[in-house]
Amino acid sequence: MYKELSMTWSTNRSLSAIAAPENDRCQMEKKRDHQLYMAVMISAACLIVVLCLISRRKNHARQLCWGFPSIAIPLDGLGIGASGCRLLYCVIMGSWGADLLTNLLNTSLYYSSPFSITDSVYFFMFTPTVIILSQSLAYFPVFACVHTPLPILGHLLGLLYTSLLVSSNVYSDCAAARGCSYIGNMSHREVGIFLGSRVWTYFLYLCMLLYFFLYTVFDLVQVLVSGKLQPRKTQNDRSVCELYVSNLLKRRVRTCSTSYHLLRDNLWNYLIRGLDYVLPNAYTFCLRYPLPLFGAFFMGFSMIIHLVIFCSAHEYLLAEKLLHWLQEFQITVDFIEDILPSTKPTLNRLFQQVLSFAKAYEIILPLGSIGAFGFCGMFSLYMLHTTYKQIMEAARGDTGFFVRSELVPSLVYRLAATMRFTAFQVAFLVSTWMIYCLLLWILLSIGLLFYYLFNDFRHFAVHVWSWFMVPMMWGAAMYNLQLFLCKYVFLERTRGTLPLIRLRWLYDILAYFLFFFNGIFGFVMCILRGVGVIIFTAVMLFRLDWDIYMRGLEGWDMGHRTYMAYMYVECTYNNMIMRLFVHLLLDSLHQRRRHQHHPPSQEATLSTTWRSGSSKRERGDVVRGEGVSVGSTGSEQSSHRARLHWYLAYTLLRNPTLCRDRVTHNSHSLHPTPHTSYGSLYTIN
């Protein structure tokens, strides 16, 4: 969707000569994009569908439809390889996603047009909801290059985002490989093949890192040489994707109206079609362990990023309306000056203040959005660290963090809370980001308003100092004076903890005369306490692992209850020790059934019992290392158990320290019942 520049009645007619070439260029770019889309995208889509049908691989076709083709369809005849196949899939899915999002956006804009019913609350809430949801489904690997007017800031944000993406994928793959080798008994070769299948992903991420790093250095050198920030010029030897982004950046510096239309109309057509490589990996990344945690954070940050773009677009629209109002205001000022010439200095000063405030407002919202995004990222990392620590503690047997069973009363509630935990995380993350943006925007707006009320920064600083700093310094001095007198004059130095007051009559007199000061100080502390509670609640609102309610009202915190229920189910269902034990039991059952059909000889049984039993026990094989012959009779099994018991008693007598190590102490009982652990037997001569 392309918008042409139109002239309003308040616009100078001399600008029509500038608008005509812009409209012609928009038409040419529209034709070029249409030709590229018809020549490449549709042909590639038909080719992929035909190859899916020819190869008869329903799994690949299903993966392609779901959006995460983890296994490439072999295109050996074309000679593009597996990475080329995946890249082609991503481009095609990006094109389909762009068309879908464009249709949703056009539908929402149609319903919000002046010719429709705009007085309805339904359409007032439906329009931003559809736009936000449609934008949250898009991809965002290099969103910063389009979101920020300055390329250097966009490349820095892109470099930071790609670095976090690479580190998270490396951590997830290493954890998955370590878990497979520990639980699934995979060999080193199989683990290497598993990690080798992700080489193309790491290569792509490294290319993105190199791309952002080189252009960041290039922009820094350009700033140091020229002394000012300038958008880069488009080079002819770049790829189609880079030409799209560079062209968008170059045309973004015209006016607020042009920037808004470019951002709203051409964002999906340019960004999604060529630079979206992350979504197939993102869905695969969301399906890994732990599923609700990283996947929810990933999708939450996706929604936040597109909310930033959405708010920025509406900010440009607001700036466009504000500039239009200022033009009308200038006409009114000229009319008043003709009638009352004495009001010219006052009106000009007022007009300059309003204009400067409008220009400063364009910086407030991006700064607030970026600052709120940083806060959300920091607290998200804290929450991930806490959750990972608690999961590891639960795997080791320490489940003290969810011993409060009154928060998760029933198993039905635990399962239901686990089901909605991912959605809760995304909703809490986006809501907290909105609250952070609102708070930062209010603070910056208040500071800017006070700054423009005082025309000089020096006067502004003096007023702030006289209003706030001087009373705060007096209050701090009196507070410290009371502490000094109580410590060195009234407190009797004794060895015990009982406070003994010296000069009690002077202490009471001082408390009487300081009553009014302490009353004012208490009033200020009451206000600060309320503000502190509000700030702490707003800051910790996203931390589902924290209970922000007071003691006794923890059950009212639905977010914390959902987190506790999820942790209970997660630590119970995905416990690594339990999964290993179940795997060993299944393996032992399989061997038992196999020995029943093919019973081993007595010599092989004794050899397995006494020669390889110790090595199996050292590996921690509790079930198979008992030294009991599976195919033997009942008397032979009892004799083996008796010999093992005598061997255990002999070992414990020779090594007293093993008595302490082999017993699992129960913290709820004063006299724990010891049990035999054959996996901890060692032969010590």
Foldseek 3Di string as FASTA:
>chain_A
DADADDDDPLDDPVCVVVRVVVRVVSVVVVVVLVVCCVVPQVVLVVVVVVLCVVVVDVVQVVLLVVPARLFFRDPVVVPPDRLSRLLSSQLNVLVVLLVVLVVLLVVLVVCCDPVHPPVDVCNVVVNVVSNLVSQLPAFPLQVLLLQDLFNLRSLVVNLVVLVVVLVLVVVQLVVVLVLCCVQVVDDPVVSVVSVVSCVSVNVVSVVSNVVSVVVNVVQVVVCVVVVDTDQDDDDPPDDPLVNLSSVSSVQCPDALVSNLSCLVPVVSSRCRNNPGSCRSVLVVSCPGPPNLQPNLVVSLVSSLSSVLSVVLSVLSVVLVVLVVVLSVVVVVLVVVCVVPVVCNVVSVLVSVLSVVLSVVLNVQQNVLSVVLSVLLVVVSVVLVVVLVVQLVCLLVPDNPLLPPCVLVVDLVSLVVLLVCLSVVLSVLSNVLSVVSSVVSSVVVSVVSVLCSVDVDVVVSVVVCCVPPVVVVVVLVVVVVVVVVCVVPPFFDDDPDPDTHGDPVVVVVVVCVVCVVVVVVVVVVVVVVVVVVLVVVCSSCSSNLCDQSDDPPCSNVPSSVSSVSSNSVCCSVVVNSVVSSVVSLVVVVVVVLVVCVVVPDDPVVLQCCQPPVLLVCLQVVSQPSSLSARSPDDPVSRVVSVVVVVVVVVVQCVVPVVVVVVQADDDPVDPDDDGDDRSSPDDDDD
